[in-house]
Amino acid sequence: MRSVSKPRSANRAAKTHPAVPPPTITNFKSNIEHILSQSQTLSAMHYNYNDQHLL
């Protein structure tokens, strides 16, 4: 019974959420740019730490 109810709940969740557009090259590029923009601060802190460590 549980194995039968699991796909039903998954189908309900998929129906309630709006249809997600298929990933395109532009979306992929924007996602990469978003990740890079977030990681720039961490990389800047990392490089600053390395520079201070070398000094």
N, C-alpha and C. Protein backbone atom coordinates (compact mmCIF):
# COMPACT_ATOMS: atom_id res chain seq x y z
N MET A 1 0.85 -1.21 0.00
CA MET A 1 0.00 0.00 0.00
C MET A 1 0.89 1.26 0.00
N ARG A 2 1.94 1.23 0.79
CA ARG A 2 2.80 2.41 0.84
C ARG A 2 3.47 2.67 -0.51
N SER A 3 3.92 1.60 -1.18
CA SER A 3 4.58 1.77 -2.48
C SER A 3 3.60 2.35 -3.50
N VAL A 4 2.30 2.09 -3.32
CA VAL A 4 1.31 2.63 -4.25
C VAL A 4 1.04 4.11 -3.93
N SER A 5 1.08 4.48 -2.65
CA SER A 5 0.76 5.85 -2.28
C SER A 5 1.91 6.80 -2.58
N LYS A 6 3.14 6.30 -2.64
CA LYS A 6 4.27 7.20 -2.89
C LYS A 6 4.19 7.85 -4.26
N PRO A 7 3.99 7.11 -5.36
CA PRO A 7 3.91 7.78 -6.66
C PRO A 7 2.73 8.73 -6.75
N ARG A 8 1.63 8.42 -6.04
CA ARG A 8 0.49 9.34 -6.07
C ARG A 8 0.86 10.68 -5.46
N SER A 9 1.52 10.65 -4.30
CA SER A 9 1.92 11.90 -3.66
C SER A 9 2.93 12.64 -4.53
N ALA A 10 3.81 11.90 -5.21
CA ALA A 10 4.79 12.55 -6.09
C ALA A 10 4.06 13.23 -7.25
N ASN A 11 3.04 12.57 -7.79
CA ASN A 11 2.29 13.18 -8.88
C ASN A 11 1.55 14.42 -8.39
N ARG A 12 1.01 14.38 -7.19
CA ARG A 12 0.33 15.56 -6.65
C ARG A 12 1.30 16.73 -6.53
N ALA A 13 2.50 16.45 -5.99
CA ALA A 13 3.48 17.52 -5.82
C ALA A 13 3.88 18.09 -7.18
N ALA A 14 4.02 17.22 -8.17
CA ALA A 14 4.40 17.70 -9.50
C ALA A 14 3.28 18.55 -10.10
N LYS A 15 2.03 18.20 -9.83
CA LYS A 15 0.91 18.96 -10.40
C LYS A 15 0.74 20.30 -9.69
N THR A 16 0.94 20.34 -8.37
CA THR A 16 0.74 21.58 -7.64
C THR A 16 1.79 22.62 -8.04
N HIS A 17 3.05 22.20 -8.25
CA HIS A 17 4.08 23.15 -8.63
C HIS A 17 3.88 23.59 -10.08
N PRO A 18 4.17 24.86 -10.39
CA PRO A 18 4.04 25.30 -11.78
C PRO A 18 5.04 24.57 -12.66
N ALA A 19 4.69 24.45 -13.93
CA ALA A 19 5.55 23.74 -14.86
C ALA A 19 6.88 24.47 -14.99
N VAL A 20 7.98 23.76 -14.78
CA VAL A 20 9.30 24.37 -14.89
C VAL A 20 9.75 24.30 -16.35
N PRO A 21 10.13 25.42 -16.93
CA PRO A 21 10.55 25.37 -18.34
C PRO A 21 11.80 24.53 -18.49
N PRO A 22 11.96 23.86 -19.61
CA PRO A 22 13.15 23.03 -19.82
C PRO A 22 14.41 23.89 -19.79
N PRO A 23 15.49 23.40 -19.24
CA PRO A 23 16.72 24.20 -19.16
C PRO A 23 17.26 24.51 -20.55
N THR A 24 17.48 25.79 -20.78
CA THR A 24 18.04 26.21 -22.07
C THR A 24 19.46 26.70 -21.86
N ILE A 25 20.11 27.06 -22.94
CA ILE A 25 21.49 27.54 -22.82
C ILE A 25 21.52 28.84 -22.04
N THR A 26 20.51 29.70 -22.24
CA THR A 26 20.51 30.98 -21.53
C THR A 26 20.31 30.74 -20.03
N ASN A 27 19.39 29.85 -19.67
CA ASN A 27 19.20 29.55 -18.26
C ASN A 27 20.46 28.95 -17.66
N PHE A 28 21.09 28.06 -18.41
CA PHE A 28 22.31 27.43 -17.92
C PHE A 28 23.39 28.48 -17.69
N LYS A 29 23.50 29.42 -18.64
CA LYS A 29 24.50 30.48 -18.50
C LYS A 29 24.18 31.37 -17.31
N SER A 30 22.92 31.73 -17.13
CA SER A 30 22.55 32.59 -16.01
C SER A 30 22.80 31.88 -14.69
N ASN A 31 22.55 30.57 -14.64
CA ASN A 31 22.83 29.82 -13.42
C ASN A 31 24.31 29.82 -13.12
N ILE A 32 25.14 29.64 -14.14
CA ILE A 32 26.59 29.65 -13.93
C ILE A 32 27.03 31.03 -13.45
N GLU A 33 26.50 32.08 -14.08
CA GLU A 33 26.87 33.43 -13.66
C GLU A 33 26.43 33.68 -12.22
N HIS A 34 25.25 33.17 -11.84
CA HIS A 34 24.78 33.36 -10.48
C HIS A 34 25.70 32.65 -9.49
N ILE A 35 26.10 31.41 -9.83
CA ILE A 35 26.99 30.66 -8.94
C ILE A 35 28.35 31.36 -8.85
N LEU A 36 28.84 31.86 -9.98
CA LEU A 36 30.14 32.54 -9.97
C LEU A 36 30.05 33.81 -9.14
N SER A 37 28.97 34.56 -9.27
CA SER A 37 28.83 35.80 -8.51
C SER A 37 28.79 35.50 -7.01
N GLN A 38 28.19 34.38 -6.63
CA GLN A 38 28.16 34.01 -5.22
C GLN A 38 29.53 33.55 -4.75
N SER A 39 30.26 32.83 -5.61
CA SER A 39 31.55 32.28 -5.19
C SER A 39 32.66 33.32 -5.27
N GLN A 40 32.42 34.46 -5.92
CA GLN A 40 33.47 35.47 -6.02
C GLN A 40 33.85 35.99 -4.63
N THR A 41 32.87 36.19 -3.77
CA THR A 41 33.18 36.70 -2.43
C THR A 41 34.00 35.68 -1.65
N LEU A 42 33.62 34.41 -1.75
CA LEU A 42 34.36 33.38 -1.04
C LEU A 42 35.77 33.25 -1.59
N SER A 43 35.91 33.30 -2.92
CA SER A 43 37.24 33.18 -3.52
C SER A 43 38.08 34.39 -3.15
N ALA A 44 37.46 35.59 -3.09
CA ALA A 44 38.22 36.77 -2.70
C ALA A 44 38.72 36.63 -1.27
N MET A 45 37.87 36.16 -0.37
CA MET A 45 38.31 35.93 1.01
C MET A 45 39.41 34.88 1.04
N HIS A 46 39.27 33.85 0.22
CA HIS A 46 40.26 32.78 0.20
C HIS A 46 41.61 33.30 -0.28
N TYR A 47 41.59 34.09 -1.35
CA TYR A 47 42.85 34.62 -1.88
C TYR A 47 43.47 35.60 -0.89
N ASN A 48 42.64 36.43 -0.26
CA ASN A 48 43.18 37.36 0.73
C ASN A 48 43.83 36.59 1.87
N TYR A 49 43.20 35.52 2.29
CA TYR A 49 43.77 34.71 3.37
C TYR A 49 45.09 34.11 2.93
N ASN A 50 45.15 33.63 1.69
CA ASN A 50 46.40 33.05 1.19
C ASN A 50 47.50 34.10 1.11
N ASP A 51 47.14 35.31 0.65
CA ASP A 51 48.15 36.36 0.56
C ASP A 51 48.67 36.71 1.95
N GLN A 52 47.78 36.85 2.91
CA GLN A 52 48.22 37.16 4.27
C GLN A 52 49.05 36.01 4.84
N HIS A 53 48.66 34.80 4.50
CA HIS A 53 49.39 33.64 5.02
C HIS A 53 50.80 33.60 4.43
N LEU A 54 50.93 33.94 3.14
CA LEU A 54 52.26 33.94 2.52
C LEU A 54 53.12 35.06 3.10
N LEU A 55 52.51 36.21 3.41
CA LEU A 55 53.28 37.30 4.00
C LEU A 55 53.69 36.90 5.41
